Amino acid sequence: MTARPHSLQSRLSLWFAAQTLFGLSVICFAIYLVTAWSFGQKQEEELNQKAVLVEHLLKEADKGGDLVFLRHKLDDFFSMQDDVSLSISHAGKQLFQSSPTAGSRWMRRNLLVPWQQSGLTTQLQVQLGVNTAQEDRLLERLGWTLLGAVVLGTALVSLTGMWLVRRGLRPLKALAERTAAMAPDKANCPIDAMDFAEELRPWITQFNALLLRVQRAYVQLESFNADVAHELRTPLANLIGATELALTRPRGNEELQAVLASNLEEIGRLAGIVTDMLFLSQAERGMPVRTRAAASLAAQAGDVIDFYDAMLEEAGLRAEVKGHAMADVDAALVRRALFNLLGNAIRFAAPASMIRIEIGSEKNHSEVTLAVVNRGEPIDPAALPRLFERFYRAAPARDGSPRHHGLGLSIVEAIARMHGGRVFAASQGGETRIGFTVRRDG
């Protein structure tokens, strides 16, 4: 079971608190260490000074070799030095012991000092100490003070950080409210990026572009639904009308067969629309090419011309293939695209003209172009960008043919996209050129 992620506000506040705790802890710990080191240095210097003084007193007393004089001298000195302790011994015998303040803490040092007695030089064992109780108490107070500073500083920065984070995230909340009020049909009123912080403007720009694409898809879907309804209404109305007419009175077998033949033609038109729509839907969902193999595009174009041979002869037209290229394609899909293009060309070509299927390579040689060219009435330049839209017809009226329902060029565009290519159309000088490209290497 995965834990739910923290909110951005909580996460930033926790980071503020953790960063403040770490930073203050490091700083206060450094202050404590520097202060302790300074006290230690001070105590070392003081101990060195006392050691020099004690050695000087011992050398003064050494001139006379009188221990009584030495004790008297040391008693006079240490009566005014409560923060210093001194112990002198010789051959295991205690010669002098100061009376330090009770409850003190000491930093001690052991010394060996030469001593003349009865003409012989011996060593005095000297233990010198400096009282560090006051500095220890100061360090302890400083430690607690710094700890309190860390806790209070972390709490203060965390609270102010939470307030600052909440205040800083207000533009995000305002943006969420603005985006919640948007809808696909309101894309003509985009969010003004200049009303928000500079960091949010790229996101707002991308959101406006996305909303515009959604709005275009929304409009296209509405138009598509209307076109589908229109395309399906005509054959359905024909089916219903013919069936109702057949049922108005008893009819003979020949009349019923004629009605069934007419209905079958309309059903075939419906089936063609449904099949083409299913193919387009699968292509838009990213359906991959089923099979790829190296194929001669000229051979595929020749097969398409052979299929339309009778129709070409009936229309008084001729067709030829110009060019040759090999490419890794789904040959069946390429033939289907050429079927649609050649079928359109036959419908609109001038009588007794030549239709060409041109095959060539792009300049970078990574793509192959397949274009169907025919002579005839030019297409309105304003209609060229819409030729590949579903159910769009550049002709001024729908011809009602069961084989042509405005999806042929949309299927060509889908097949080109499945092969990593594109579509193109041009019409000028009495010649119309419509085609698509495929990637040579698949």
Protein backbone atom coordinates (compact mmCIF):
# COMPACT_ATOMS: atom_id res chain seq x y z
CA MET A 1 0.00 0.00 0.00
CA THR A 2 1.64 3.23 -1.13
CA ALA A 3 1.55 6.31 1.06
CA ARG A 4 -0.38 9.29 -0.17
CA PRO A 5 1.92 12.09 -1.32
CA HIS A 6 2.09 15.21 0.82
CA SER A 7 0.66 18.42 -0.48
CA LEU A 8 3.06 20.89 -2.01
CA GLN A 9 2.45 23.28 0.88
CA SER A 10 3.22 20.62 3.50
CA ARG A 11 6.29 19.45 1.63
CA LEU A 12 7.73 22.95 1.29
CA SER A 13 6.96 23.74 4.94
CA LEU A 14 8.71 20.56 6.09
CA TRP A 15 11.72 21.40 3.95
CA PHE A 16 11.82 24.90 5.46
CA ALA A 17 11.73 23.41 8.96
CA ALA A 18 14.35 20.74 8.21
CA GLN A 19 16.67 23.22 6.51
CA THR A 20 16.31 25.71 9.36
CA LEU A 21 16.92 23.02 11.99
CA PHE A 22 20.01 21.79 10.19
CA GLY A 23 21.38 25.26 9.52
CA LEU A 24 20.85 26.58 13.04
CA SER A 25 22.20 23.36 14.55
CA VAL A 26 25.41 23.60 12.54
CA ILE A 27 25.88 27.30 13.35
CA CYS A 28 25.16 26.92 17.07
CA PHE A 29 27.34 23.84 17.34
CA ALA A 30 30.16 25.73 15.66
CA ILE A 31 29.69 28.64 18.08
CA TYR A 32 29.81 26.23 21.03
CA LEU A 33 32.98 24.53 19.75
CA VAL A 34 34.74 27.86 19.10
CA THR A 35 33.78 29.16 22.54
CA ALA A 36 34.95 25.94 24.24
CA TRP A 37 38.23 26.10 22.29
CA SER A 38 38.69 29.76 23.32
CA PHE A 39 38.11 28.91 26.99
CA GLY A 40 40.53 26.02 26.71
CA GLN A 41 43.18 28.29 25.20
CA LYS A 42 42.61 30.84 27.95
CA GLN A 43 42.98 28.17 30.64
CA GLU A 44 46.16 26.82 29.01
CA GLU A 45 47.66 30.30 28.96
CA GLU A 46 46.72 30.86 32.58
CA LEU A 47 48.20 27.51 33.57
CA ASN A 48 51.42 28.39 31.74
CA GLN A 49 51.64 31.70 33.58
CA LYS A 50 51.10 30.03 36.96
CA ALA A 51 53.70 27.39 36.12
CA VAL A 52 56.28 30.08 35.31
CA LEU A 53 55.44 31.87 38.56
CA VAL A 54 55.73 28.69 40.67
CA GLU A 55 59.07 27.79 39.07
CA HIS A 56 60.31 31.32 39.81
CA LEU A 57 59.28 31.01 43.49
CA LEU A 58 60.97 27.65 43.78
CA LYS A 59 64.19 29.02 42.28
CA GLU A 60 64.11 31.94 44.72
CA ALA A 61 63.65 29.55 47.63
CA ASP A 62 66.32 27.24 46.20
CA LYS A 63 69.02 29.84 46.77
CA GLY A 64 68.64 29.47 50.48
CA GLY A 65 67.67 25.81 50.47
CA ASP A 66 65.22 26.57 53.26
CA LEU A 67 61.96 24.60 53.03
CA VAL A 68 60.35 26.67 55.81
CA PHE A 69 60.98 29.79 53.81
CA LEU A 70 59.53 28.04 50.73
CA ARG A 71 56.34 27.03 52.57
CA HIS A 72 55.95 30.55 53.96
CA LYS A 73 56.40 32.06 50.55
CA LEU A 74 53.91 29.67 48.93
CA ASP A 75 51.31 30.20 51.73
CA ASP A 76 51.51 33.93 51.20
CA PHE A 77 51.02 33.53 47.48
CA PHE A 78 48.19 30.97 47.47
CA SER A 79 46.22 32.71 50.18
CA MET A 80 45.20 35.16 47.44
CA GLN A 81 44.89 32.56 44.63
CA ASP A 82 41.74 30.48 45.30
CA ASP A 83 41.49 29.48 41.68
CA VAL A 84 44.95 27.81 41.64
CA SER A 85 45.97 24.60 43.40
CA LEU A 86 49.56 23.48 44.12
CA SER A 87 51.03 20.26 45.47
CA ILE A 88 54.80 19.75 46.03
CA SER A 89 56.33 16.47 47.07
CA HIS A 90 59.81 15.04 47.30
CA ALA A 91 60.72 11.37 47.49
CA GLY A 92 57.12 10.49 48.28
CA LYS A 93 56.91 13.06 51.08
CA GLN A 94 54.38 15.89 50.87
CA LEU A 95 56.21 19.20 51.23
CA PHE A 96 53.34 21.57 50.43
CA GLN A 97 49.59 21.32 49.68
CA SER A 98 47.38 24.36 48.97
CA SER A 99 43.77 24.52 50.17
CA PRO A 100 41.65 25.02 46.99
CA THR A 101 38.01 25.99 46.98
CA ALA A 102 35.61 23.08 47.40
CA GLY A 103 33.52 21.99 44.42
CA SER A 104 36.03 23.26 41.88
CA ARG A 105 36.98 21.68 38.58
CA TRP A 106 40.66 21.60 37.76
CA MET A 107 42.94 21.53 34.81
CA ARG A 108 46.18 20.09 36.18
CA ARG A 109 49.81 19.84 35.03
CA ASN A 110 52.72 17.89 36.52
CA LEU A 111 56.22 19.46 36.67
CA LEU A 112 59.68 18.37 37.78
CA VAL A 113 61.69 21.24 39.27
CA PRO A 114 65.40 20.89 40.27
CA TRP A 115 66.12 21.55 43.99
CA GLN A 116 69.44 22.05 45.84
CA GLN A 117 69.62 20.53 49.27
CA SER A 118 72.79 19.77 51.26
CA GLY A 119 74.85 20.31 48.16
CA LEU A 120 72.86 17.71 46.23
CA THR A 121 70.49 18.38 43.33
CA THR A 122 67.14 16.57 43.51
CA GLN A 123 63.80 16.81 41.75
CA LEU A 124 60.62 18.20 43.29
CA GLN A 125 57.35 16.74 42.00
CA VAL A 126 55.02 19.68 41.43
CA GLN A 127 51.32 19.37 40.49
CA LEU A 128 49.75 22.64 39.43
CA GLY A 129 46.02 23.14 38.74
CA VAL A 130 43.78 25.92 37.45
CA ASN A 131 40.08 26.13 38.43
CA THR A 132 37.82 25.80 35.34
CA ALA A 133 34.46 25.74 37.14
CA GLN A 134 33.44 29.20 36.01
CA GLU A 135 34.20 28.54 32.35
CA ASP A 136 32.40 25.18 32.53
CA ARG A 137 29.31 26.89 33.92
CA LEU A 138 29.48 29.48 31.15
CA LEU A 139 29.81 26.75 28.53
CA GLU A 140 26.84 24.87 29.99
CA ARG A 141 24.71 28.02 29.94
CA LEU A 142 25.85 28.75 26.42
CA GLY A 143 24.95 25.20 25.34
CA TRP A 144 21.42 25.46 26.72
CA THR A 145 21.03 28.94 25.24
CA LEU A 146 22.10 27.75 21.82
CA LEU A 147 19.81 24.72 22.05
CA GLY A 148 16.91 27.01 22.89
CA ALA A 149 17.87 29.25 19.98
CA VAL A 150 17.79 26.24 17.64
CA VAL A 151 14.37 25.12 18.85
CA LEU A 152 12.80 28.58 18.92
CA GLY A 153 14.45 29.62 15.65
CA THR A 154 13.24 26.47 13.91
CA ALA A 155 9.71 26.96 15.23
CA LEU A 156 9.67 30.63 14.21
CA VAL A 157 11.04 30.03 10.73
CA SER A 158 8.71 27.05 10.23
CA LEU A 159 5.64 29.09 11.14
CA THR A 160 6.65 32.04 8.99
CA GLY A 161 7.66 29.60 6.23
CA MET A 162 4.23 27.99 6.28
CA TRP A 163 2.64 31.42 6.01
CA LEU A 164 4.96 32.43 3.18
CA VAL A 165 4.41 29.14 1.32
CA ARG A 166 0.64 29.49 1.66
CA ARG A 167 0.84 33.04 0.41
CA GLY A 168 3.20 32.07 -2.40
CA LEU A 169 0.89 29.26 -3.58
CA ARG A 170 -2.14 31.54 -3.86
CA PRO A 171 -1.52 32.06 -7.61
CA LEU A 172 -1.72 28.28 -8.09
CA LYS A 173 -5.05 28.19 -6.28
CA ALA A 174 -6.31 31.09 -8.37
CA LEU A 175 -5.09 29.34 -11.53
CA ALA A 176 -6.88 26.13 -10.47
CA GLU A 177 -10.10 28.09 -10.02
CA ARG A 178 -9.70 29.69 -13.44
CA THR A 179 -8.99 26.39 -15.16
CA ALA A 180 -11.92 24.72 -13.38
CA ALA A 181 -14.21 27.32 -14.92
CA MET A 182 -12.94 26.61 -18.43
CA ALA A 183 -14.72 24.35 -20.92
CA PRO A 184 -14.06 23.20 -24.50
CA ASP A 185 -16.70 25.59 -25.80
CA LYS A 186 -15.02 28.52 -23.98
CA ALA A 187 -11.59 28.18 -25.56
CA ASN A 188 -12.07 31.55 -27.24
CA CYS A 189 -11.57 33.11 -23.78
CA PRO A 190 -8.11 31.81 -22.79
CA ILE A 191 -6.42 32.57 -19.48
CA ASP A 192 -4.32 35.71 -19.60
CA ALA A 193 -0.81 34.61 -18.65
CA MET A 194 0.19 38.17 -17.72
CA ASP A 195 -2.15 38.01 -14.70
CA PHE A 196 0.08 35.39 -13.07
CA ALA A 197 3.67 35.01 -11.94
CA GLU A 198 6.38 34.59 -14.55
CA GLU A 199 7.03 30.97 -13.50
CA LEU A 200 3.42 30.02 -14.27
CA ARG A 201 3.22 31.67 -17.68
CA PRO A 202 4.74 28.77 -19.69
CA TRP A 203 2.21 26.40 -18.10
CA ILE A 204 -0.65 28.78 -18.86
CA THR A 205 0.51 29.15 -22.45
CA GLN A 206 0.63 25.38 -22.86
CA PHE A 207 -2.78 25.02 -21.21
CA ASN A 208 -4.30 27.61 -23.57
CA ALA A 209 -2.80 25.75 -26.55
CA LEU A 210 -4.14 22.45 -25.23
CA LEU A 211 -7.57 23.98 -24.68
CA LEU A 212 -7.54 25.32 -28.21
CA ARG A 213 -6.74 21.83 -29.55
CA VAL A 214 -9.52 20.39 -27.42
CA GLN A 215 -11.91 23.03 -28.71
CA ARG A 216 -10.96 22.22 -32.30
CA ALA A 217 -11.47 18.52 -31.61
CA TYR A 218 -14.78 19.36 -29.94
CA VAL A 219 -15.95 21.31 -32.98
CA GLN A 220 -14.65 18.59 -35.29
CA LEU A 221 -16.48 15.94 -33.26
CA GLU A 222 -19.72 17.87 -33.43
CA SER A 223 -19.28 18.34 -37.17
CA PHE A 224 -18.37 14.69 -37.54
CA ASN A 225 -21.48 13.59 -35.65
CA ALA A 226 -23.62 15.79 -37.87
CA ASP A 227 -21.96 14.40 -41.00
CA VAL A 228 -22.36 10.81 -39.82
CA ALA A 229 -26.02 11.44 -39.07
CA HIS A 230 -26.46 13.00 -42.50
CA GLU A 231 -24.66 10.18 -44.31
CA LEU A 232 -26.55 7.48 -42.47
CA ARG A 233 -29.91 9.22 -42.71
CA THR A 234 -30.11 9.03 -46.50
CA PRO A 235 -29.61 5.24 -46.90
CA LEU A 236 -31.76 4.55 -43.84
CA ALA A 237 -34.52 6.77 -45.21
CA ASN A 238 -34.26 4.95 -48.56
CA LEU A 239 -34.47 1.57 -46.81
CA ILE A 240 -37.46 2.60 -44.72
CA GLY A 241 -39.25 4.23 -47.64
CA ALA A 242 -38.71 1.30 -50.02
CA THR A 243 -39.78 -1.23 -47.36
CA GLU A 244 -42.90 0.74 -46.40
CA LEU A 245 -43.83 1.12 -50.07
CA ALA A 246 -43.39 -2.59 -50.64
CA LEU A 247 -45.71 -3.36 -47.71
CA THR A 248 -48.57 -1.11 -48.87
CA ARG A 249 -49.99 -3.83 -51.12
CA PRO A 250 -49.29 -7.40 -52.18
CA ARG A 251 -46.48 -7.61 -54.72
CA GLY A 252 -45.08 -10.26 -56.98
CA ASN A 253 -41.71 -11.92 -56.71
CA GLU A 254 -40.11 -9.68 -59.32
CA GLU A 255 -41.19 -6.50 -57.52
CA LEU A 256 -40.02 -7.87 -54.16
CA GLN A 257 -36.68 -8.85 -55.65
CA ALA A 258 -36.28 -5.32 -57.02
CA VAL A 259 -37.03 -3.87 -53.56
CA LEU A 260 -34.54 -6.26 -51.94
CA ALA A 261 -31.91 -5.38 -54.54
CA SER A 262 -32.42 -1.67 -53.83
CA ASN A 263 -32.27 -2.27 -50.09
CA LEU A 264 -29.13 -4.35 -50.51
CA GLU A 265 -27.50 -1.48 -52.36
CA GLU A 266 -28.33 0.91 -49.48
CA ILE A 267 -27.15 -1.64 -46.91
CA GLY A 268 -23.89 -1.93 -48.83
CA ARG A 269 -23.52 1.83 -48.61
CA LEU A 270 -24.12 1.70 -44.84
CA ALA A 271 -21.64 -1.13 -44.48
CA GLY A 272 -19.05 0.84 -46.43
CA ILE A 273 -19.50 3.87 -44.17
CA VAL A 274 -19.24 1.76 -41.01
CA THR A 275 -16.17 -0.12 -42.29
CA ASP A 276 -14.39 3.08 -43.27
CA MET A 277 -15.26 4.75 -39.97
CA LEU A 278 -13.98 1.76 -38.04
CA PHE A 279 -10.70 1.88 -39.96
CA LEU A 280 -10.31 5.63 -39.34
CA SER A 281 -11.06 5.17 -35.64
CA GLN A 282 -8.43 2.45 -35.32
CA ALA A 283 -5.90 4.54 -37.22
CA GLU A 284 -6.47 7.54 -34.93
CA ARG A 285 -5.96 5.33 -31.87
CA GLY A 286 -2.50 4.51 -33.20
CA MET A 287 -3.17 1.17 -34.90
CA PRO A 288 0.18 0.06 -36.34
CA VAL A 289 0.76 -1.20 -39.84
CA ARG A 290 -0.05 -4.91 -39.82
CA THR A 291 2.74 -6.12 -42.08
CA ARG A 292 5.74 -4.43 -43.62
CA ALA A 293 7.76 -5.77 -46.49
CA ALA A 294 9.83 -4.36 -49.30
CA ALA A 295 7.47 -3.80 -52.20
CA SER A 296 7.58 -2.24 -55.62
CA LEU A 297 5.30 0.78 -55.54
CA ALA A 298 5.08 0.80 -59.32
CA ALA A 299 3.76 -2.78 -59.23
CA GLN A 300 1.13 -1.80 -56.67
CA ALA A 301 0.04 1.15 -58.83
CA GLY A 302 -0.15 -1.18 -61.87
CA ASP A 303 -2.47 -3.54 -59.98
CA VAL A 304 -4.75 -0.62 -59.11
CA ILE A 305 -4.91 0.48 -62.76
CA ASP A 306 -5.75 -3.08 -63.81
CA PHE A 307 -8.62 -3.13 -61.30
CA TYR A 308 -10.06 0.09 -62.77
CA ASP A 309 -9.44 -0.96 -66.37
CA ALA A 310 -13.11 -1.40 -67.23
CA MET A 311 -14.12 1.86 -65.57
CA LEU A 312 -11.35 3.71 -67.37
CA GLU A 313 -12.43 2.30 -70.70
CA GLU A 314 -16.06 3.19 -70.01
CA ALA A 315 -15.09 6.78 -69.15
CA GLY A 316 -12.82 7.06 -72.17
CA LEU A 317 -9.73 7.60 -70.04
CA ARG A 318 -6.22 6.21 -69.94
CA ALA A 319 -3.87 5.68 -67.01
CA GLU A 320 -0.15 5.13 -66.69
CA VAL A 321 2.53 4.79 -64.00
CA LYS A 322 5.53 7.10 -64.05
CA GLY A 323 8.50 6.37 -61.83
CA HIS A 324 9.57 3.49 -59.70
CA ALA A 325 10.62 3.05 -56.06
CA MET A 326 10.95 0.36 -53.41
CA ALA A 327 9.76 0.88 -49.83
CA ASP A 328 8.92 -1.12 -46.71
CA VAL A 329 5.12 -0.76 -46.65
CA ASP A 330 1.90 -2.62 -46.10
CA ALA A 331 1.13 -3.28 -49.74
CA ALA A 332 -2.61 -3.80 -49.14
CA LEU A 333 -2.95 -0.40 -47.43
CA VAL A 334 -0.96 1.36 -50.14
CA ARG A 335 -3.18 -0.19 -52.81
CA ARG A 336 -6.26 0.91 -50.84
CA ALA A 337 -5.01 4.51 -50.78
CA LEU A 338 -4.28 4.39 -54.52
CA PHE A 339 -7.75 2.91 -55.15
CA ASN A 340 -9.33 5.92 -53.48
CA LEU A 341 -7.13 8.43 -55.27
CA LEU A 342 -7.56 6.86 -58.70
CA GLY A 343 -11.32 6.49 -58.16
CA ASN A 344 -11.58 10.23 -57.43
CA ALA A 345 -9.45 11.06 -60.45
CA ILE A 346 -11.68 8.97 -62.76
CA ARG A 347 -14.79 10.74 -61.46
CA PHE A 348 -13.45 14.24 -62.11
CA ALA A 349 -11.00 13.78 -65.02
CA ALA A 350 -11.67 15.46 -68.36
CA PRO A 351 -12.89 13.03 -71.06
CA ALA A 352 -10.24 11.34 -73.22
CA SER A 353 -7.46 12.55 -70.89
CA MET A 354 -4.54 10.73 -69.33
CA ILE A 355 -4.35 9.98 -65.60
CA ARG A 356 -0.85 9.53 -64.19
CA ILE A 357 0.27 7.79 -61.05
CA GLU A 358 3.61 9.43 -60.31
CA ILE A 359 6.16 7.79 -58.01
CA GLY A 360 9.24 9.66 -56.88
CA SER A 361 11.59 10.35 -53.97
CA GLU A 362 11.85 13.38 -51.77
CA LYS A 363 15.09 15.38 -51.77
CA ASN A 364 16.33 13.66 -48.62
CA HIS A 365 15.53 10.24 -50.12
CA SER A 366 13.92 9.15 -46.83
CA GLU A 367 10.39 9.40 -48.23
CA VAL A 368 8.66 8.23 -51.38
CA THR A 369 5.80 10.19 -52.94
CA LEU A 370 2.81 8.65 -54.67
CA ALA A 371 0.58 11.11 -56.51
CA VAL A 372 -2.40 10.73 -58.84
CA VAL A 373 -2.58 13.50 -61.45
CA ASN A 374 -5.56 14.21 -63.68
CA ARG A 375 -6.75 17.02 -65.94
CA GLY A 376 -10.13 18.56 -65.32
CA GLU A 377 -11.94 21.31 -63.49
CA PRO A 378 -9.62 22.87 -60.91
CA ILE A 379 -10.42 22.66 -57.22
CA ASP A 380 -11.11 25.88 -55.35
CA PRO A 381 -7.88 26.83 -53.47
CA ALA A 382 -9.96 27.45 -50.33
CA ALA A 383 -11.13 23.82 -50.46
CA LEU A 384 -7.66 22.23 -50.79
CA PRO A 385 -6.80 22.31 -47.05
CA ARG A 386 -10.09 20.54 -46.26
CA LEU A 387 -9.93 17.78 -48.87
CA PHE A 388 -8.79 15.19 -46.31
CA GLU A 389 -11.48 15.98 -43.73
CA ARG A 390 -14.14 13.35 -43.13
CA PHE A 391 -17.26 13.63 -45.29
CA TYR A 392 -15.93 16.74 -47.00
CA ARG A 393 -16.58 17.04 -50.71
CA ALA A 394 -15.09 19.74 -52.87
CA ALA A 395 -17.86 19.19 -55.45
CA PRO A 396 -20.83 21.60 -55.02
CA ALA A 397 -23.34 18.77 -54.54
CA ARG A 398 -23.32 15.24 -53.16
CA ASP A 399 -23.73 12.71 -55.88
CA GLY A 400 -25.45 10.08 -53.75
CA SER A 401 -23.27 7.30 -55.10
CA PRO A 402 -23.09 4.27 -52.81
CA ARG A 403 -19.34 4.03 -53.44
CA HIS A 404 -18.48 7.61 -52.52
CA HIS A 405 -19.43 8.96 -49.10
CA GLY A 406 -16.65 11.49 -48.42
CA LEU A 407 -14.23 9.26 -46.50
CA GLY A 408 -11.87 8.19 -49.29
CA LEU A 409 -9.29 10.96 -48.82
CA SER A 410 -9.55 10.71 -45.02
CA ILE A 411 -8.53 7.07 -45.37
CA VAL A 412 -5.61 8.11 -47.60
CA GLU A 413 -4.46 10.54 -44.89
CA ALA A 414 -4.75 7.81 -42.21
CA ILE A 415 -2.73 5.34 -44.31
CA ALA A 416 -0.02 7.96 -44.93
CA ARG A 417 0.16 8.69 -41.18
CA MET A 418 0.44 4.97 -40.39
CA HIS A 419 3.47 4.85 -42.71
CA GLY A 420 5.08 7.92 -41.13
CA GLY A 421 4.16 10.11 -44.11
CA ARG A 422 1.86 12.97 -45.01
CA VAL A 423 -0.68 13.98 -47.65
CA PHE A 424 -0.65 16.84 -50.14
CA ALA A 425 -2.97 18.34 -52.77
CA ALA A 426 -2.54 20.95 -55.49
CA SER A 427 -4.76 22.15 -58.33
CA GLN A 428 -3.66 24.69 -60.89
CA GLY A 429 -3.38 25.11 -64.63
CA GLY A 430 -6.24 22.64 -65.20
CA GLU A 431 -4.31 19.84 -63.49
CA THR A 432 -5.06 18.34 -60.07
CA ARG A 433 -2.38 16.47 -58.13
CA ILE A 434 -3.32 14.62 -54.94
CA GLY A 435 -1.12 12.11 -53.15
CA PHE A 436 0.77 11.05 -50.07
CA THR A 437 4.24 10.03 -48.89
CA VAL A 438 5.56 7.00 -47.07
CA ARG A 439 8.88 6.51 -45.33
CA ARG A 440 11.21 4.45 -47.47
CA ASP A 441 12.61 2.42 -44.55
CA GLY A 442 9.34 2.02 -42.68
